[in-house]
Amino acid sequence: MATARGVREILIFIGLGLAAGCAGSNDGSNDPSPVPKAPAASGPGSGTPKQAELPERPSGAGEYDPDVSSELTPTGSGLYYRILRKGDGKKPTVKNAVVAHYKGWLDNGKQFDSSYDRNEPLDYPLSKLVPGWQEGLPLVGEGGMIELEIPPHLGYGAAGAPPDIPPGATLHFILELKKVK
C-alpha cells in the first residue's frame, strides 16, 4: 500500500494534470466545466443505472441513511455515484477547498488509500484533485457521504499511478464531506 503522503501527492498531481488539460471543452460548446466529457455514450455514463451492493462502511465513518438506493446513478461524463448520506450543509464548487474523509479501492477490492485509516481527513482545494472528485463532491452537501465509481478518464487515465493503481483503472471511493471552505 502506498504511503499516505505518496497517495495524496498522486491525487493532487494527477488532479492538477487532468484539470489543467480539461479547462474547457474543445467541442465548440463553450462549456467551461473542468470535468472532461466521457467518450460517446454506449457504455458507462450512457444513462443506465447500475445495481450494486452497498460498500462496507470504513471504520470511523458516519452512518449511511436508511433509504440508500441499491443503484449507482450515471452522469453524462461517465461517473457513477450514490448518495450514502444526504448532507444539508453547503455544497462545494471547484473554487472551494474541502475537508473530506475517504476510502479508495480498485475493481478487485484492493484498497489503495484511506484517510480513515490515518484518522486524518484530506484538506485541499477541490480544483487540484482528480476530475471525478470535482464532479462528484458537489453532488452532496457538508455532512453528507457519497460513493463514487470513477472511470479512468476522470481518474488516473491510461498512465495509472504505479505501483498501487494500474493503467486504465476504475476507482471506487467513499467520500464523507466534512467541511467546505
N, C-alpha and C. Protein backbone atom coordinates (compact mmCIF):
# COMPACT_ATOMS: atom_id res chain seq x y z
N MET A 1 0.85 -1.18 0.00
CA MET A 1 0.00 0.00 0.00
C MET A 1 0.89 1.23 0.00
N ALA A 2 0.50 2.24 -0.74
CA ALA A 2 1.27 3.47 -0.82
C ALA A 2 1.25 4.19 0.52
N THR A 3 2.27 4.98 0.75
CA THR A 3 2.25 5.78 1.96
C THR A 3 1.17 6.83 1.83
N ALA A 4 0.71 7.34 2.98
CA ALA A 4 -0.34 8.36 2.97
C ALA A 4 0.11 9.57 2.17
N ARG A 5 1.31 10.02 2.39
CA ARG A 5 1.81 11.19 1.69
C ARG A 5 1.91 10.91 0.20
N GLY A 6 2.36 9.73 -0.15
CA GLY A 6 2.52 9.38 -1.56
C GLY A 6 1.22 9.40 -2.32
N VAL A 7 0.17 8.81 -1.77
CA VAL A 7 -1.10 8.77 -2.48
C VAL A 7 -1.71 10.15 -2.55
N ARG A 8 -1.62 10.94 -1.47
CA ARG A 8 -2.14 12.30 -1.52
C ARG A 8 -1.42 13.10 -2.59
N GLU A 9 -0.11 12.93 -2.71
CA GLU A 9 0.63 13.64 -3.75
C GLU A 9 0.19 13.16 -5.13
N ILE A 10 -0.11 11.88 -5.27
CA ILE A 10 -0.59 11.35 -6.54
C ILE A 10 -1.96 11.95 -6.85
N LEU A 11 -2.88 11.95 -5.88
CA LEU A 11 -4.20 12.52 -6.10
C LEU A 11 -4.08 13.97 -6.56
N ILE A 12 -3.25 14.71 -5.87
CA ILE A 12 -3.09 16.12 -6.19
C ILE A 12 -2.41 16.29 -7.54
N PHE A 13 -1.32 15.58 -7.78
CA PHE A 13 -0.58 15.72 -9.03
C PHE A 13 -1.45 15.35 -10.22
N ILE A 14 -2.10 14.21 -10.14
CA ILE A 14 -2.92 13.77 -11.25
C ILE A 14 -4.09 14.72 -11.43
N GLY A 15 -4.68 15.18 -10.33
CA GLY A 15 -5.77 16.14 -10.43
C GLY A 15 -5.32 17.41 -11.11
N LEU A 16 -4.14 17.89 -10.79
CA LEU A 16 -3.62 19.10 -11.43
C LEU A 16 -3.42 18.85 -12.92
N GLY A 17 -2.83 17.74 -13.26
CA GLY A 17 -2.55 17.44 -14.66
C GLY A 17 -3.82 17.27 -15.47
N LEU A 18 -4.79 16.55 -14.93
CA LEU A 18 -6.03 16.34 -15.67
C LEU A 18 -6.85 17.61 -15.73
N ALA A 19 -6.94 18.32 -14.60
CA ALA A 19 -7.72 19.55 -14.59
C ALA A 19 -7.11 20.58 -15.53
N ALA A 20 -5.78 20.65 -15.58
CA ALA A 20 -5.13 21.61 -16.47
C ALA A 20 -5.44 21.27 -17.92
N GLY A 21 -5.58 20.00 -18.22
CA GLY A 21 -5.88 19.59 -19.58
C GLY A 21 -7.35 19.63 -19.91
N CYS A 22 -8.19 19.98 -18.94
CA CYS A 22 -9.63 19.95 -19.13
C CYS A 22 -10.25 21.30 -18.81
N ALA A 23 -9.57 22.37 -19.09
CA ALA A 23 -10.05 23.70 -18.74
C ALA A 23 -11.16 24.17 -19.65
N GLY A 24 -11.89 23.28 -20.19
CA GLY A 24 -13.00 23.60 -21.07
C GLY A 24 -13.03 22.61 -22.22
N SER A 25 -14.13 22.55 -22.85
CA SER A 25 -14.29 21.61 -23.95
C SER A 25 -13.80 22.22 -25.25
N ASN A 26 -13.25 21.41 -26.11
CA ASN A 26 -12.85 21.85 -27.43
C ASN A 26 -13.86 21.41 -28.48
N ASP A 27 -15.08 21.11 -28.05
CA ASP A 27 -16.08 20.62 -28.98
C ASP A 27 -16.97 21.74 -29.54
N GLY A 28 -16.59 23.00 -29.25
CA GLY A 28 -17.34 24.13 -29.75
C GLY A 28 -18.55 24.49 -28.91
N SER A 29 -18.77 23.81 -27.79
CA SER A 29 -19.95 24.05 -26.99
C SER A 29 -19.77 25.18 -25.99
N ASN A 30 -18.57 25.69 -25.84
CA ASN A 30 -18.25 26.74 -24.87
C ASN A 30 -18.56 26.31 -23.45
N ASP A 31 -18.50 25.03 -23.17
CA ASP A 31 -18.72 24.50 -21.84
C ASP A 31 -17.48 24.77 -21.00
N PRO A 32 -17.60 25.60 -19.93
CA PRO A 32 -16.43 25.93 -19.13
C PRO A 32 -16.10 24.88 -18.07
N SER A 33 -16.83 23.79 -18.00
CA SER A 33 -16.63 22.77 -16.98
C SER A 33 -15.23 22.19 -17.04
N PRO A 34 -14.56 22.06 -15.87
CA PRO A 34 -13.24 21.46 -15.86
C PRO A 34 -13.29 19.94 -15.94
N VAL A 35 -14.47 19.36 -15.95
CA VAL A 35 -14.61 17.90 -15.97
C VAL A 35 -14.64 17.44 -17.42
N PRO A 36 -13.71 16.52 -17.80
CA PRO A 36 -13.71 16.03 -19.17
C PRO A 36 -14.97 15.25 -19.47
N LYS A 37 -15.36 15.25 -20.70
CA LYS A 37 -16.55 14.52 -21.13
C LYS A 37 -16.20 13.07 -21.43
N ALA A 38 -17.18 12.21 -21.22
CA ALA A 38 -16.99 10.80 -21.50
C ALA A 38 -16.93 10.56 -22.99
N PRO A 39 -16.34 9.44 -23.39
CA PRO A 39 -16.43 9.05 -24.79
C PRO A 39 -17.89 8.87 -25.18
N ALA A 40 -18.17 8.71 -26.45
CA ALA A 40 -19.54 8.56 -26.94
C ALA A 40 -20.35 7.60 -26.09
N ALA A 41 -21.59 7.93 -25.87
CA ALA A 41 -22.44 7.18 -24.94
C ALA A 41 -22.81 5.81 -25.50
N SER A 42 -22.14 4.78 -24.99
CA SER A 42 -22.52 3.42 -25.34
C SER A 42 -22.16 2.47 -24.21
N GLY A 43 -21.51 2.96 -23.19
CA GLY A 43 -21.13 2.15 -22.04
C GLY A 43 -21.45 2.92 -20.78
N PRO A 44 -20.52 2.90 -19.80
CA PRO A 44 -20.76 3.66 -18.57
C PRO A 44 -21.08 5.11 -18.91
N GLY A 45 -22.05 5.65 -18.20
CA GLY A 45 -22.44 7.02 -18.43
C GLY A 45 -23.49 7.17 -19.51
N SER A 46 -23.94 6.06 -20.07
CA SER A 46 -24.91 6.12 -21.15
C SER A 46 -26.33 6.31 -20.63
N GLY A 47 -26.48 6.46 -19.33
CA GLY A 47 -27.79 6.72 -18.77
C GLY A 47 -28.41 5.54 -18.06
N THR A 48 -27.74 4.42 -17.98
CA THR A 48 -28.29 3.24 -17.33
C THR A 48 -27.73 3.09 -15.92
N PRO A 49 -28.60 3.18 -14.90
CA PRO A 49 -28.12 2.96 -13.54
C PRO A 49 -27.58 1.54 -13.38
N LYS A 50 -26.69 1.35 -12.41
CA LYS A 50 -26.10 0.03 -12.11
C LYS A 50 -26.55 -0.42 -10.73
N GLN A 51 -26.95 -1.68 -10.65
CA GLN A 51 -27.21 -2.29 -9.35
C GLN A 51 -25.87 -2.56 -8.68
N ALA A 52 -25.77 -2.26 -7.40
CA ALA A 52 -24.53 -2.52 -6.67
C ALA A 52 -24.82 -2.66 -5.19
N GLU A 53 -24.13 -3.61 -4.58
CA GLU A 53 -24.25 -3.76 -3.14
C GLU A 53 -23.63 -2.55 -2.46
N LEU A 54 -24.12 -2.26 -1.28
CA LEU A 54 -23.54 -1.15 -0.52
C LEU A 54 -22.10 -1.50 -0.14
N PRO A 55 -21.21 -0.53 -0.26
CA PRO A 55 -19.83 -0.80 0.15
C PRO A 55 -19.74 -0.89 1.67
N GLU A 56 -18.76 -1.63 2.13
CA GLU A 56 -18.53 -1.72 3.56
C GLU A 56 -18.15 -0.35 4.10
N ARG A 57 -18.80 0.05 5.17
CA ARG A 57 -18.54 1.35 5.77
C ARG A 57 -17.19 1.32 6.48
N PRO A 58 -16.30 2.27 6.15
CA PRO A 58 -14.99 2.29 6.80
C PRO A 58 -15.10 2.52 8.30
N SER A 59 -14.19 1.95 9.05
CA SER A 59 -14.12 2.18 10.48
C SER A 59 -13.91 3.67 10.72
N GLY A 60 -14.75 4.26 11.56
CA GLY A 60 -14.65 5.68 11.85
C GLY A 60 -15.57 6.54 11.00
N ALA A 61 -16.21 5.96 10.00
CA ALA A 61 -17.13 6.71 9.15
C ALA A 61 -18.49 6.82 9.82
N GLY A 62 -19.22 7.86 9.47
CA GLY A 62 -20.57 8.02 9.95
C GLY A 62 -21.50 7.00 9.32
N GLU A 63 -22.73 7.01 9.79
CA GLU A 63 -23.73 6.06 9.31
C GLU A 63 -24.24 6.42 7.92
N TYR A 64 -24.74 5.41 7.20
CA TYR A 64 -25.45 5.63 5.95
C TYR A 64 -26.90 5.96 6.29
N ASP A 65 -27.58 6.69 5.39
CA ASP A 65 -29.01 6.90 5.54
C ASP A 65 -29.72 5.56 5.38
N PRO A 66 -30.86 5.37 6.04
CA PRO A 66 -31.56 4.08 5.93
C PRO A 66 -32.19 3.84 4.56
N ASP A 67 -32.38 4.89 3.77
CA ASP A 67 -33.05 4.74 2.48
C ASP A 67 -32.09 4.82 1.29
N VAL A 68 -30.85 4.38 1.49
CA VAL A 68 -29.85 4.42 0.42
C VAL A 68 -30.30 3.54 -0.75
N SER A 69 -30.13 4.06 -1.95
CA SER A 69 -30.51 3.35 -3.17
C SER A 69 -29.64 2.10 -3.37
N SER A 70 -30.20 1.13 -4.07
CA SER A 70 -29.44 -0.06 -4.43
C SER A 70 -28.73 0.15 -5.77
N GLU A 71 -28.87 1.36 -6.35
CA GLU A 71 -28.29 1.65 -7.66
C GLU A 71 -27.29 2.80 -7.59
N LEU A 72 -26.32 2.71 -8.49
CA LEU A 72 -25.41 3.82 -8.75
C LEU A 72 -25.99 4.58 -9.95
N THR A 73 -26.02 5.89 -9.85
CA THR A 73 -26.59 6.75 -10.89
C THR A 73 -25.48 7.27 -11.80
N PRO A 74 -25.66 7.19 -13.12
CA PRO A 74 -24.64 7.70 -14.03
C PRO A 74 -24.80 9.20 -14.28
N THR A 75 -23.68 9.84 -14.59
CA THR A 75 -23.72 11.22 -15.07
C THR A 75 -23.31 11.19 -16.55
N GLY A 76 -23.42 12.30 -17.21
CA GLY A 76 -23.07 12.38 -18.62
C GLY A 76 -21.60 12.16 -18.90
N SER A 77 -20.75 12.36 -17.91
CA SER A 77 -19.30 12.21 -18.10
C SER A 77 -18.83 10.76 -17.98
N GLY A 78 -19.68 9.89 -17.41
CA GLY A 78 -19.28 8.51 -17.17
C GLY A 78 -19.08 8.18 -15.70
N LEU A 79 -19.15 9.19 -14.84
CA LEU A 79 -19.07 8.98 -13.40
C LEU A 79 -20.35 8.30 -12.93
N TYR A 80 -20.22 7.38 -11.97
CA TYR A 80 -21.37 6.80 -11.30
C TYR A 80 -21.30 7.22 -9.84
N TYR A 81 -22.47 7.50 -9.24
CA TYR A 81 -22.48 7.91 -7.84
C TYR A 81 -23.72 7.39 -7.14
N ARG A 82 -23.63 7.37 -5.81
CA ARG A 82 -24.76 7.02 -4.96
C ARG A 82 -24.62 7.84 -3.68
N ILE A 83 -25.67 8.54 -3.32
CA ILE A 83 -25.66 9.30 -2.07
C ILE A 83 -25.87 8.30 -0.93
N LEU A 84 -24.89 8.23 -0.05
CA LEU A 84 -24.96 7.31 1.10
C LEU A 84 -25.56 8.00 2.32
N ARG A 85 -25.35 9.31 2.40
CA ARG A 85 -25.97 10.11 3.46
C ARG A 85 -26.15 11.53 2.91
N LYS A 86 -27.37 12.00 2.97
CA LYS A 86 -27.64 13.35 2.49
C LYS A 86 -26.97 14.35 3.43
N GLY A 87 -26.34 15.33 2.87
CA GLY A 87 -25.78 16.41 3.68
C GLY A 87 -26.64 17.64 3.50
N ASP A 88 -26.93 18.34 4.59
CA ASP A 88 -27.78 19.51 4.48
C ASP A 88 -26.97 20.80 4.52
N GLY A 89 -25.65 20.68 4.50
CA GLY A 89 -24.80 21.86 4.53
C GLY A 89 -24.45 22.35 3.14
N LYS A 90 -23.52 23.28 3.12
CA LYS A 90 -23.05 23.90 1.88
C LYS A 90 -22.47 22.85 0.93
N LYS A 91 -22.77 23.02 -0.38
CA LYS A 91 -22.18 22.16 -1.40
C LYS A 91 -20.97 22.86 -2.00
N PRO A 92 -19.88 22.13 -2.23
CA PRO A 92 -18.69 22.76 -2.77
C PRO A 92 -18.78 23.00 -4.27
N THR A 93 -17.96 23.92 -4.73
CA THR A 93 -17.70 24.09 -6.16
C THR A 93 -16.20 23.87 -6.32
N VAL A 94 -15.73 23.82 -7.55
CA VAL A 94 -14.29 23.63 -7.76
C VAL A 94 -13.48 24.80 -7.23
N LYS A 95 -14.13 25.90 -6.88
CA LYS A 95 -13.43 27.06 -6.32
C LYS A 95 -13.19 26.92 -4.81
N ASN A 96 -13.81 25.91 -4.18
CA ASN A 96 -13.68 25.71 -2.74
C ASN A 96 -12.59 24.71 -2.40
N ALA A 97 -12.08 24.84 -1.20
CA ALA A 97 -11.28 23.78 -0.59
C ALA A 97 -12.27 22.91 0.19
N VAL A 98 -11.93 21.64 0.34
CA VAL A 98 -12.80 20.72 1.07
C VAL A 98 -11.99 19.97 2.12
N VAL A 99 -12.69 19.60 3.17
CA VAL A 99 -12.15 18.68 4.16
C VAL A 99 -13.01 17.43 4.03
N ALA A 100 -12.39 16.31 3.67
CA ALA A 100 -13.15 15.09 3.41
C ALA A 100 -12.37 13.87 3.87
N HIS A 101 -13.09 12.94 4.45
CA HIS A 101 -12.54 11.62 4.72
C HIS A 101 -12.88 10.75 3.52
N TYR A 102 -12.00 9.79 3.21
CA TYR A 102 -12.25 8.95 2.05
C TYR A 102 -11.57 7.60 2.21
N LYS A 103 -12.10 6.67 1.43
CA LYS A 103 -11.50 5.35 1.26
C LYS A 103 -11.56 5.07 -0.22
N GLY A 104 -10.43 4.64 -0.82
CA GLY A 104 -10.38 4.33 -2.23
C GLY A 104 -9.96 2.90 -2.48
N TRP A 105 -10.61 2.24 -3.46
CA TRP A 105 -10.27 0.86 -3.80
C TRP A 105 -10.45 0.64 -5.30
N LEU A 106 -9.90 -0.45 -5.77
CA LEU A 106 -9.97 -0.82 -7.19
C LEU A 106 -11.11 -1.81 -7.43
N ASP A 107 -11.38 -2.12 -8.70
CA ASP A 107 -12.43 -3.09 -9.05
C ASP A 107 -12.25 -4.43 -8.34
N ASN A 108 -11.00 -4.84 -8.13
CA ASN A 108 -10.74 -6.14 -7.49
C ASN A 108 -10.89 -6.08 -5.97
N GLY A 109 -11.27 -4.93 -5.43
CA GLY A 109 -11.48 -4.78 -3.99
C GLY A 109 -10.25 -4.32 -3.24
N LYS A 110 -9.10 -4.24 -3.89
CA LYS A 110 -7.87 -3.83 -3.21
C LYS A 110 -7.92 -2.35 -2.86
N GLN A 111 -7.80 -2.06 -1.58
CA GLN A 111 -7.77 -0.68 -1.10
C GLN A 111 -6.42 -0.07 -1.44
N PHE A 112 -6.42 1.15 -2.00
CA PHE A 112 -5.16 1.82 -2.28
C PHE A 112 -4.90 3.00 -1.36
N ASP A 113 -5.92 3.48 -0.65
CA ASP A 113 -5.71 4.56 0.30
C ASP A 113 -6.94 4.74 1.17
N SER A 114 -6.73 5.30 2.37
CA SER A 114 -7.83 5.60 3.26
C SER A 114 -7.40 6.65 4.27
N SER A 115 -8.07 7.79 4.24
CA SER A 115 -7.81 8.81 5.27
C SER A 115 -8.39 8.35 6.60
N TYR A 116 -9.40 7.47 6.54
CA TYR A 116 -9.96 6.92 7.78
C TYR A 116 -8.88 6.14 8.53
N ASP A 117 -8.08 5.36 7.81
CA ASP A 117 -7.03 4.57 8.45
C ASP A 117 -6.00 5.45 9.13
N ARG A 118 -5.76 6.64 8.58
CA ARG A 118 -4.79 7.58 9.16
C ARG A 118 -5.42 8.50 10.19
N ASN A 119 -6.77 8.49 10.25
CA ASN A 119 -7.52 9.41 11.10
C ASN A 119 -7.13 10.86 10.78
N GLU A 120 -6.96 11.13 9.48
CA GLU A 120 -6.55 12.45 9.01
C GLU A 120 -7.26 12.77 7.70
N PRO A 121 -8.34 13.57 7.77
CA PRO A 121 -9.04 13.88 6.53
C PRO A 121 -8.19 14.73 5.59
N LEU A 122 -8.51 14.64 4.32
CA LEU A 122 -7.86 15.46 3.31
C LEU A 122 -8.40 16.88 3.44
N ASP A 123 -7.53 17.87 3.38
CA ASP A 123 -7.90 19.29 3.42
C ASP A 123 -7.18 19.94 2.25
N TYR A 124 -7.92 20.15 1.13
CA TYR A 124 -7.25 20.59 -0.09
C TYR A 124 -8.24 21.25 -1.04
N PRO A 125 -7.75 22.13 -1.92
CA PRO A 125 -8.65 22.72 -2.93
C PRO A 125 -9.21 21.64 -3.86
N LEU A 126 -10.51 21.67 -4.06
CA LEU A 126 -11.15 20.68 -4.93
C LEU A 126 -10.61 20.78 -6.35
N SER A 127 -10.26 21.97 -6.78
CA SER A 127 -9.77 22.17 -8.15
C SER A 127 -8.46 21.45 -8.42
N LYS A 128 -7.77 21.03 -7.39
CA LYS A 128 -6.48 20.37 -7.56
C LYS A 128 -6.56 18.85 -7.41
N LEU A 129 -7.79 18.35 -7.35
CA LEU A 129 -7.99 16.91 -7.21
C LEU A 129 -8.54 16.34 -8.52
N VAL A 130 -8.59 15.02 -8.61
CA VAL A 130 -9.00 14.38 -9.86
C VAL A 130 -10.40 14.82 -10.28
N PRO A 131 -10.65 14.89 -11.59
CA PRO A 131 -11.95 15.33 -12.09
C PRO A 131 -13.14 14.56 -11.54
N GLY A 132 -12.98 13.28 -11.22
CA GLY A 132 -14.09 12.52 -10.64
C GLY A 132 -14.52 13.08 -9.30
N TRP A 133 -13.56 13.54 -8.51
CA TRP A 133 -13.90 14.20 -7.24
C TRP A 133 -14.52 15.56 -7.51
N GLN A 134 -13.99 16.29 -8.48
CA GLN A 134 -14.51 17.62 -8.80
C GLN A 134 -15.98 17.57 -9.20
N GLU A 135 -16.36 16.52 -9.91
CA GLU A 135 -17.74 16.35 -10.33
C GLU A 135 -18.60 15.74 -9.22
N GLY A 136 -18.05 14.80 -8.48
CA GLY A 136 -18.84 14.05 -7.51
C GLY A 136 -19.11 14.75 -6.19
N LEU A 137 -18.11 15.39 -5.61
CA LEU A 137 -18.32 16.01 -4.30
C LEU A 137 -19.40 17.09 -4.30
N PRO A 138 -19.54 17.91 -5.37
CA PRO A 138 -20.62 18.90 -5.36
C PRO A 138 -22.04 18.31 -5.38
N LEU A 139 -22.16 17.00 -5.52
CA LEU A 139 -23.47 16.35 -5.50
C LEU A 139 -23.98 16.15 -4.09
N VAL A 140 -23.15 16.42 -3.09
CA VAL A 140 -23.53 16.21 -1.70
C VAL A 140 -23.11 17.45 -0.89
N GLY A 141 -23.87 17.76 0.14
CA GLY A 141 -23.54 18.90 0.99
C GLY A 141 -22.71 18.49 2.19
N GLU A 142 -22.23 19.50 2.92
CA GLU A 142 -21.48 19.24 4.15
C GLU A 142 -22.26 18.27 5.03
N GLY A 143 -21.55 17.34 5.62
CA GLY A 143 -22.18 16.32 6.45
C GLY A 143 -22.64 15.11 5.67
N GLY A 144 -22.58 15.19 4.34
CA GLY A 144 -23.03 14.09 3.51
C GLY A 144 -21.93 13.10 3.19
N MET A 145 -22.34 11.99 2.62
CA MET A 145 -21.41 10.94 2.22
C MET A 145 -21.86 10.42 0.86
N ILE A 146 -20.88 10.19 -0.02
CA ILE A 146 -21.18 9.76 -1.37
C ILE A 146 -20.24 8.63 -1.77
N GLU A 147 -20.76 7.74 -2.57
CA GLU A 147 -19.94 6.69 -3.18
C GLU A 147 -19.73 7.08 -4.63
N LEU A 148 -18.48 7.01 -5.10
CA LEU A 148 -18.17 7.32 -6.48
C LEU A 148 -17.50 6.13 -7.15
N GLU A 149 -17.87 5.89 -8.39
CA GLU A 149 -17.18 4.96 -9.27
C GLU A 149 -16.64 5.82 -10.41
N ILE A 150 -15.32 5.99 -10.42
CA ILE A 150 -14.67 6.94 -11.32
C ILE A 150 -13.99 6.19 -12.46
N PRO A 151 -14.47 6.42 -13.70
CA PRO A 151 -13.83 5.76 -14.85
C PRO A 151 -12.43 6.35 -15.07
N PRO A 152 -11.58 5.63 -15.79
CA PRO A 152 -10.19 6.08 -15.96
C PRO A 152 -10.04 7.51 -16.46
N HIS A 153 -10.88 7.95 -17.40
CA HIS A 153 -10.70 9.30 -17.94
C HIS A 153 -11.02 10.40 -16.93
N LEU A 154 -11.64 10.06 -15.79
CA LEU A 154 -11.89 11.02 -14.72
C LEU A 154 -11.01 10.76 -13.51
N GLY A 155 -10.12 9.78 -13.63
CA GLY A 155 -9.22 9.43 -12.53
C GLY A 155 -7.78 9.58 -12.95
N TYR A 156 -7.06 8.46 -13.01
CA TYR A 156 -5.63 8.49 -13.32
C TYR A 156 -5.32 8.18 -14.77
N GLY A 157 -6.35 7.91 -15.58
CA GLY A 157 -6.18 7.72 -17.00
C GLY A 157 -5.39 6.49 -17.38
N ALA A 158 -4.87 6.53 -18.60
CA ALA A 158 -4.12 5.41 -19.17
C ALA A 158 -2.81 5.17 -18.45
N ALA A 159 -2.26 6.18 -17.80
CA ALA A 159 -0.97 6.04 -17.11
C ALA A 159 -1.11 5.33 -15.78
N GLY A 160 -2.26 5.45 -15.12
CA GLY A 160 -2.40 4.92 -13.78
C GLY A 160 -1.54 5.70 -12.82
N ALA A 161 -1.30 5.13 -11.67
CA ALA A 161 -0.43 5.72 -10.65
C ALA A 161 0.33 4.58 -9.98
N PRO A 162 1.26 3.97 -10.73
CA PRO A 162 2.01 2.83 -10.21
C PRO A 162 2.72 3.18 -8.90
N PRO A 163 2.90 2.22 -8.03
CA PRO A 163 2.60 0.80 -8.21
C PRO A 163 1.21 0.39 -7.75
N ASP A 164 0.47 1.27 -7.09
CA ASP A 164 -0.80 0.86 -6.48
C ASP A 164 -2.00 0.94 -7.41
N ILE A 165 -1.95 1.81 -8.41
CA ILE A 165 -3.09 1.99 -9.29
C ILE A 165 -2.65 1.69 -10.71
N PRO A 166 -3.14 0.60 -11.28
CA PRO A 166 -2.70 0.20 -12.62
C PRO A 166 -3.24 1.13 -13.71
N PRO A 167 -2.61 1.10 -14.88
CA PRO A 167 -3.11 1.89 -16.00
C PRO A 167 -4.57 1.56 -16.31
N GLY A 168 -5.35 2.59 -16.63
CA GLY A 168 -6.73 2.38 -17.02
C GLY A 168 -7.66 1.92 -15.92
N ALA A 169 -7.29 2.12 -14.66
CA ALA A 169 -8.08 1.61 -13.54
C ALA A 169 -9.34 2.44 -13.29
N THR A 170 -10.43 1.73 -13.00
CA THR A 170 -11.63 2.35 -12.47
C THR A 170 -11.44 2.45 -10.97
N LEU A 171 -11.73 3.62 -10.42
CA LEU A 171 -11.54 3.87 -9.00
C LEU A 171 -12.88 3.93 -8.29
N HIS A 172 -12.89 3.43 -7.07
CA HIS A 172 -14.08 3.46 -6.23
C HIS A 172 -13.74 4.23 -4.96
N PHE A 173 -14.65 5.11 -4.55
CA PHE A 173 -14.42 5.89 -3.34
C PHE A 173 -15.69 5.98 -2.52
N ILE A 174 -15.50 6.02 -1.22
CA ILE A 174 -16.49 6.53 -0.29
C ILE A 174 -15.88 7.84 0.17
N LEU A 175 -16.66 8.93 0.05
CA LEU A 175 -16.20 10.26 0.45
C LEU A 175 -17.20 10.84 1.44
N GLU A 176 -16.70 11.29 2.56
CA GLU A 176 -17.53 11.91 3.58
C GLU A 176 -17.11 13.38 3.65
N LEU A 177 -18.00 14.27 3.22
CA LEU A 177 -17.68 15.70 3.15
C LEU A 177 -17.86 16.33 4.52
N LYS A 178 -16.76 16.67 5.15
CA LYS A 178 -16.78 17.23 6.49
C LYS A 178 -16.99 18.74 6.50
N LYS A 179 -16.32 19.43 5.54
CA LYS A 179 -16.38 20.89 5.56
C LYS A 179 -16.08 21.43 4.17
N VAL A 180 -16.76 22.52 3.83
CA VAL A 180 -16.48 23.28 2.61
C VAL A 180 -15.90 24.60 3.06
N LYS A 181 -14.74 24.95 2.51
CA LYS A 181 -14.07 26.20 2.89
C LYS A 181 -14.22 27.24 1.81
